[in-house]
């Protein structure tokens, strides 16, 4: 037997399991004697929708559908990337105590984003240690001098002339995309002769920012030093995963 309790029912584990929630067709649930606080799970659709859980309201006058909670909180995308200044071919000296920036946005396809890898192109001369990262900036190009660091890459020795190099060992915050944030990817070095491959932009852009050379493997997260505007734009490729 299924549905409501009847005189012939006896207390068994099977009947208690079945009767804990009234699981029956929509028609049988609709015609059953109902009580305030009663739970029902229709197996067919009619007045109620099949495979949904309902509770009888306090006035015993209507069914309230209980909301189902998703067990999947976030879905991770495959790794994706965005390229800045792809035509970079000029070898340019980076200079110590200076970060070189390029800017990008990622839209609102995802709710959140985390960065996984930062790539650049070395120039004709390589030397010393490279550190890379990503900041939140106020505009594209940046105007306000203060920036907020949300990703830092591992210090690595510059290697390979006129070729791409990358760090995929990064620490990244999970950043909400609902406010359409603007990102500034950057690179700095301890060396004085290191070069990057750059291209020439049509207008002068806030490309570099003086920073105190890092000495404890962690660059400053923000500072109040002014930007320098240049038409020299470095190549960057940023990898990320989206979450929705």
Foldseek 3Di string as FASTA:
>chain_A
DAFDDDPPDDDDPVVCVRLVAREEAPVRVVPDDDDAQHKYAHCPDDVHHHRWIWTQHPVSPDIDTDDDDDPCPKDKDDKDKDKDQVVFDDKDFQFAQKKFKDKDWDAQPFFKKWWFKKKFFWAADFFAKKKKFKWWADDVQGDAQWTATFKIFFIDGDDDHRGMDMGRHMHGDIGGCPVGIMMMIIMHGRDGGTIGGWDFAPDWGQTMFGFDGDDPRDGDRTDRTDTDTGRTHTMMMIMMMGMD
